[in-house]
Amino acid sequence: MGTKRRGTFFLALVLALVLGLTAAVQADTLEEIIQRGELRVAVQTQGPPFSFVDKNGERTGSSVEFCKMIAQEMGVKVVFLDFDWDGLIPALLSKKADILAADMTAKLSRALKVSFTEPFYTTSQVMYVKAGSPIKTVADANKPEVTVATLLGSSYTDVARKAMPKATIKEYKGGGNIAMNAVVAGHADVGVADLSVVHAMAANYPEGTLTVLPTMLSYDPLCFAVRPEDRHLLEWINLFFDWIRADGRYEQNMEYWIKTNAWQADH
């Protein structure tokens, strides 16, 4: 073998070894979960009906129950890690959690950082006001003297700014009913929330406290998320949702948690 050919062979061998070592050190998160025996899930601290601690002190909700099914199918236990809304993606990217399970809209800007599953539910955002408010339409709310309450780091803020560019947007850090509390207390005139959660949130106040306005403000595909490199885990979660749609467990979850308020009597 000539010197040139030996050099080429040596370079090819080195390249193959490097690629092999690179592949070896790139851990498969799904395999890690199985070996660890534990699925770590980042969830919103309080966000019914998707994730919340109920009156019995138990964490539950639509997304939480899906994750319990996921862990069961993997043959591992599940651990839920609570974060405010703006802390969910950082928790995933810092590897505190394996997956992010919330009612998170798969926005293009978010998809620059994480990989989203196929949507498990598609909804829209709406406005809500305190009962008796003169605000009935988007035009009524689109005024400088009107304050709109949203959650820090949520898509609610983007939608509010687009729909009501003249209004004053006030972001509240946290989750759950924090923005709705501001409307009820008179610190804000209007709130923006997802249609899938707004009625559950409003149920925490005396009947007739709030009015949900009918105008649909957005298109919101809700998804789980994983880190960009976790392709195997992403494909597995998508396949999981395919299977539970086929065997009826998906529809049972939706009917109990999202399409009706049946869960409120139990939790």
Protein backbone atom coordinates (compact mmCIF):
# COMPACT_ATOMS: atom_id res chain seq x y z
CA MET A 1 0.00 0.00 0.00
CA GLY A 2 1.43 3.36 -1.00
CA THR A 3 2.14 6.17 1.43
CA LYS A 4 -0.76 8.25 0.11
CA ARG A 5 -3.18 5.35 0.35
CA ARG A 6 -1.96 4.51 3.87
CA GLY A 7 -2.54 8.14 4.90
CA THR A 8 -6.05 8.11 3.46
CA PHE A 9 -6.83 4.81 5.19
CA PHE A 10 -5.49 6.14 8.49
CA LEU A 11 -7.62 9.30 8.27
CA ALA A 12 -10.72 7.25 7.45
CA LEU A 13 -10.02 4.97 10.43
CA VAL A 14 -9.60 7.94 12.77
CA LEU A 15 -12.83 9.49 11.46
CA ALA A 16 -14.71 6.25 12.01
CA LEU A 17 -13.39 5.98 15.56
CA VAL A 18 -14.31 9.59 16.33
CA LEU A 19 -17.81 9.14 14.95
CA GLY A 20 -18.19 5.93 16.90
CA LEU A 21 -17.07 7.55 20.13
CA THR A 22 -19.37 10.54 19.49
CA ALA A 23 -22.32 8.21 19.00
CA ALA A 24 -21.40 6.36 22.17
CA VAL A 25 -21.34 9.47 24.32
CA GLN A 26 -24.58 10.85 22.91
CA ALA A 27 -26.91 9.31 25.46
CA ASP A 28 -30.39 8.23 24.49
CA THR A 29 -32.65 9.98 27.01
CA LEU A 30 -35.37 7.36 26.63
CA GLU A 31 -32.84 4.65 27.44
CA GLU A 32 -31.65 6.70 30.43
CA ILE A 33 -35.23 6.97 31.71
CA ILE A 34 -35.69 3.19 31.48
CA GLN A 35 -32.37 2.48 33.22
CA ARG A 36 -33.06 5.10 35.88
CA GLY A 37 -36.56 3.74 36.44
CA GLU A 38 -37.93 7.27 36.67
CA LEU A 39 -39.55 9.75 34.29
CA ARG A 40 -39.01 13.39 35.34
CA VAL A 41 -41.71 15.74 34.12
CA ALA A 42 -41.75 19.54 34.28
CA VAL A 43 -45.28 20.79 34.97
CA GLN A 44 -46.94 24.09 35.75
CA THR A 45 -47.35 24.68 39.48
CA GLN A 46 -51.07 25.47 39.27
CA GLY A 47 -52.82 25.28 35.90
CA PRO A 48 -56.13 23.40 36.03
CA PRO A 49 -57.42 21.40 34.29
CA PHE A 50 -54.02 20.35 32.88
CA SER A 51 -51.85 20.34 36.01
CA PHE A 52 -52.71 21.29 39.59
CA VAL A 53 -52.72 20.08 43.19
CA ASP A 54 -56.29 19.19 44.11
CA LYS A 55 -58.21 19.49 47.39
CA ASN A 56 -56.79 16.13 48.46
CA GLY A 57 -53.21 17.36 48.04
CA GLU A 58 -52.65 15.21 44.96
CA ARG A 59 -51.15 16.46 41.71
CA THR A 60 -53.50 15.71 38.85
CA GLY A 61 -54.97 17.13 35.66
CA SER A 62 -55.20 16.16 32.01
CA SER A 63 -51.47 16.43 31.21
CA VAL A 64 -50.50 14.87 34.54
CA GLU A 65 -52.72 11.85 33.92
CA PHE A 66 -51.27 11.46 30.41
CA CYS A 67 -47.79 11.41 31.95
CA LYS A 68 -48.83 8.76 34.46
CA MET A 69 -49.92 6.64 31.49
CA ILE A 70 -46.61 7.35 29.72
CA ALA A 71 -44.64 6.20 32.77
CA GLN A 72 -46.79 3.09 33.07
CA GLU A 73 -46.16 2.19 29.43
CA MET A 74 -42.42 2.74 29.95
CA GLY A 75 -42.47 0.62 33.09
CA VAL A 76 -41.07 3.38 35.30
CA LYS A 77 -42.31 5.66 38.06
CA VAL A 78 -43.07 9.32 37.39
CA VAL A 79 -41.83 12.38 39.28
CA PHE A 80 -43.49 15.76 38.72
CA LEU A 81 -41.38 18.90 39.07
CA ASP A 82 -43.32 22.14 39.64
CA PHE A 83 -42.32 25.37 37.92
CA ASP A 84 -43.84 28.75 37.21
CA TRP A 85 -44.76 29.15 33.55
CA ASP A 86 -41.59 31.02 32.58
CA GLY A 87 -39.45 28.35 34.24
CA LEU A 88 -40.75 25.34 32.29
CA ILE A 89 -38.53 25.55 29.20
CA PRO A 90 -35.37 26.43 31.22
CA ALA A 91 -36.03 23.38 33.43
CA LEU A 92 -36.20 21.14 30.37
CA LEU A 93 -33.12 22.59 28.68
CA SER A 94 -31.07 22.37 31.90
CA LYS A 95 -31.97 18.65 32.10
CA LYS A 96 -33.80 18.97 35.39
CA ALA A 97 -36.68 17.28 33.55
CA ASP A 98 -36.91 14.76 30.71
CA ILE A 99 -40.08 16.18 29.21
CA LEU A 100 -42.26 19.26 29.55
CA ALA A 101 -45.96 18.51 29.93
CA ALA A 102 -48.24 21.54 30.02
CA ASP A 103 -50.89 23.29 27.99
CA MET A 104 -48.09 24.95 26.02
CA THR A 105 -48.68 26.37 22.55
CA ALA A 106 -46.09 25.22 20.03
CA LYS A 107 -45.05 28.70 18.93
CA LEU A 108 -42.34 29.04 16.29
CA SER A 109 -40.20 31.09 18.67
CA ARG A 110 -40.35 28.34 21.31
CA ALA A 111 -39.57 25.68 18.71
CA LEU A 112 -36.20 27.38 18.16
CA LYS A 113 -35.27 26.06 21.64
CA VAL A 114 -37.22 22.82 22.12
CA SER A 115 -38.81 20.09 20.01
CA PHE A 116 -42.58 19.84 20.27
CA THR A 117 -44.64 16.69 19.93
CA GLU A 118 -47.60 16.54 17.58
CA PRO A 119 -50.47 18.56 19.13
CA PHE A 120 -52.48 16.61 21.68
CA TYR A 121 -55.20 19.28 21.62
CA THR A 122 -55.98 22.40 19.60
CA THR A 123 -57.75 25.35 21.16
CA SER A 124 -57.93 29.16 21.10
CA GLN A 125 -57.42 32.08 23.45
CA VAL A 126 -60.26 34.28 24.65
CA MET A 127 -60.79 37.37 26.78
CA TYR A 128 -62.51 37.43 30.16
CA VAL A 129 -63.74 40.38 32.22
CA LYS A 130 -65.33 40.99 35.57
CA ALA A 131 -69.11 40.61 35.40
CA GLY A 132 -70.79 43.88 34.51
CA SER A 133 -67.76 45.23 32.64
CA PRO A 134 -68.55 47.55 29.72
CA ILE A 135 -65.93 45.69 27.66
CA LYS A 136 -67.72 43.36 25.27
CA THR A 137 -65.45 43.21 22.20
CA VAL A 138 -61.80 43.42 21.16
CA ALA A 139 -62.45 47.00 20.00
CA ASP A 140 -63.67 47.91 23.49
CA ALA A 141 -60.45 46.56 25.00
CA ASN A 142 -58.09 48.05 22.41
CA LYS A 143 -57.63 51.39 24.18
CA PRO A 144 -54.68 52.88 26.09
CA GLU A 145 -56.69 53.22 29.29
CA VAL A 146 -57.53 49.49 29.32
CA THR A 147 -55.15 47.16 31.19
CA VAL A 148 -54.91 43.57 29.98
CA ALA A 149 -53.60 40.90 32.38
CA THR A 150 -51.48 38.02 31.03
CA LEU A 151 -48.95 35.51 32.37
CA LEU A 152 -45.24 36.27 32.05
CA GLY A 153 -43.66 34.05 29.41
CA SER A 154 -46.98 32.84 28.03
CA SER A 155 -48.42 33.06 24.53
CA TYR A 156 -51.26 35.08 26.10
CA THR A 157 -49.01 38.14 26.03
CA ASP A 158 -48.22 37.79 22.32
CA VAL A 159 -51.88 37.30 21.44
CA ALA A 160 -52.97 40.25 23.59
CA ARG A 161 -50.40 42.57 21.98
CA LYS A 162 -51.45 41.52 18.51
CA ALA A 163 -55.20 41.75 19.15
CA MET A 164 -55.09 44.86 21.35
CA PRO A 165 -51.96 46.86 20.38
CA LYS A 166 -53.27 50.08 21.93
CA ALA A 167 -54.05 48.53 25.32
CA THR A 168 -51.69 48.43 28.30
CA ILE A 169 -50.39 44.88 28.78
CA LYS A 170 -49.49 43.83 32.32
CA GLU A 171 -47.67 40.51 32.75
CA TYR A 172 -47.92 38.59 36.01
CA LYS A 173 -45.21 36.15 37.06
CA GLY A 174 -46.48 32.79 38.23
CA GLY A 175 -49.25 30.54 36.99
CA GLY A 176 -52.77 29.39 37.60
CA ASN A 177 -55.19 32.17 38.51
CA ILE A 178 -52.71 34.95 39.20
CA ALA A 179 -53.76 37.08 36.20
CA MET A 180 -57.44 36.31 36.77
CA ASN A 181 -57.06 37.40 40.39
CA ALA A 182 -55.89 40.77 39.08
CA VAL A 183 -59.05 41.16 37.00
CA VAL A 184 -61.31 40.14 39.89
CA ALA A 185 -59.50 42.55 42.22
CA GLY A 186 -59.82 45.41 39.74
CA HIS A 187 -56.09 45.71 39.04
CA ALA A 188 -56.72 44.88 35.37
CA ASP A 189 -59.74 45.34 33.12
CA VAL A 190 -59.35 42.30 30.87
CA GLY A 191 -57.59 38.96 31.02
CA VAL A 192 -56.52 36.62 28.25
CA ALA A 193 -56.50 32.85 28.74
CA ASP A 194 -56.89 29.64 26.84
CA LEU A 195 -60.44 28.48 26.21
CA SER A 196 -59.53 25.02 27.51
CA VAL A 197 -58.71 26.39 30.98
CA VAL A 198 -60.61 29.64 31.41
CA HIS A 199 -63.87 28.12 32.66
CA ALA A 200 -62.01 25.89 35.12
CA MET A 201 -60.15 28.93 36.40
CA ALA A 202 -63.36 30.97 36.70
CA ALA A 203 -64.93 28.19 38.76
CA ASN A 204 -62.63 29.16 41.65
CA TYR A 205 -64.72 32.30 42.23
CA PRO A 206 -68.39 32.71 43.21
CA GLU A 207 -70.72 32.08 40.30
CA GLY A 208 -71.26 35.19 38.21
CA THR A 209 -67.94 36.82 39.13
CA LEU A 210 -66.51 36.68 35.60
CA THR A 211 -67.72 36.76 32.03
CA VAL A 212 -65.86 34.92 29.26
CA LEU A 213 -66.17 36.77 25.95
CA PRO A 214 -66.89 34.65 22.86
CA THR A 215 -64.34 36.06 20.41
CA MET A 216 -61.58 33.58 19.44
CA LEU A 217 -58.25 35.38 19.37
CA SER A 218 -55.82 32.73 18.18
CA TYR A 219 -54.93 29.26 16.95
CA ASP A 220 -53.22 27.25 19.69
CA PRO A 221 -51.86 23.73 19.11
CA LEU A 222 -51.01 22.39 22.58
CA CYS A 223 -48.01 20.07 22.78
CA PHE A 224 -45.55 18.37 25.09
CA ALA A 225 -41.87 19.16 24.54
CA VAL A 226 -38.45 17.52 24.73
CA ARG A 227 -34.91 18.72 24.12
CA PRO A 228 -33.98 19.03 20.42
CA GLU A 229 -31.53 16.13 20.53
CA ASP A 230 -34.05 13.69 22.02
CA ARG A 231 -35.50 12.43 18.74
CA HIS A 232 -36.15 8.90 20.02
CA LEU A 233 -38.15 10.18 23.00
CA LEU A 234 -40.10 12.57 20.78
CA GLU A 235 -41.09 9.79 18.38
CA TRP A 236 -42.06 7.52 21.29
CA ILE A 237 -44.38 10.15 22.80
CA ASN A 238 -46.04 10.75 19.43
CA LEU A 239 -46.55 7.01 19.08
CA PHE A 240 -47.98 6.87 22.62
CA PHE A 241 -50.66 9.41 21.68
CA ASP A 242 -51.47 7.43 18.53
CA TRP A 243 -52.06 4.32 20.62
CA ILE A 244 -54.21 5.93 23.30
CA ARG A 245 -56.33 7.61 20.63
CA ALA A 246 -56.90 4.16 19.15
CA ASP A 247 -57.76 2.39 22.42
CA GLY A 248 -60.02 5.11 23.84
CA ARG A 249 -57.89 6.37 26.74
CA TYR A 250 -57.29 9.72 25.02
CA GLU A 251 -61.00 10.43 24.57
CA GLN A 252 -61.72 9.42 28.18
CA ASN A 253 -59.15 11.95 29.36
CA MET A 254 -60.51 14.72 27.12
CA GLU A 255 -64.12 14.07 28.10
CA TYR A 256 -63.37 14.14 31.82
CA TRP A 257 -60.84 16.99 31.98
CA ILE A 258 -61.38 19.27 28.97
CA LYS A 259 -64.78 18.88 27.32
CA THR A 260 -66.74 18.91 30.60
CA ASN A 261 -66.24 20.02 34.20
CA ALA A 262 -66.81 16.50 35.55
CA TRP A 263 -63.44 16.55 37.32
CA GLN A 264 -64.43 19.42 39.62
CA ALA A 265 -66.67 17.19 41.72
CA ASP A 266 -63.76 14.86 42.45
CA HIS A 267 -60.87 17.29 42.81
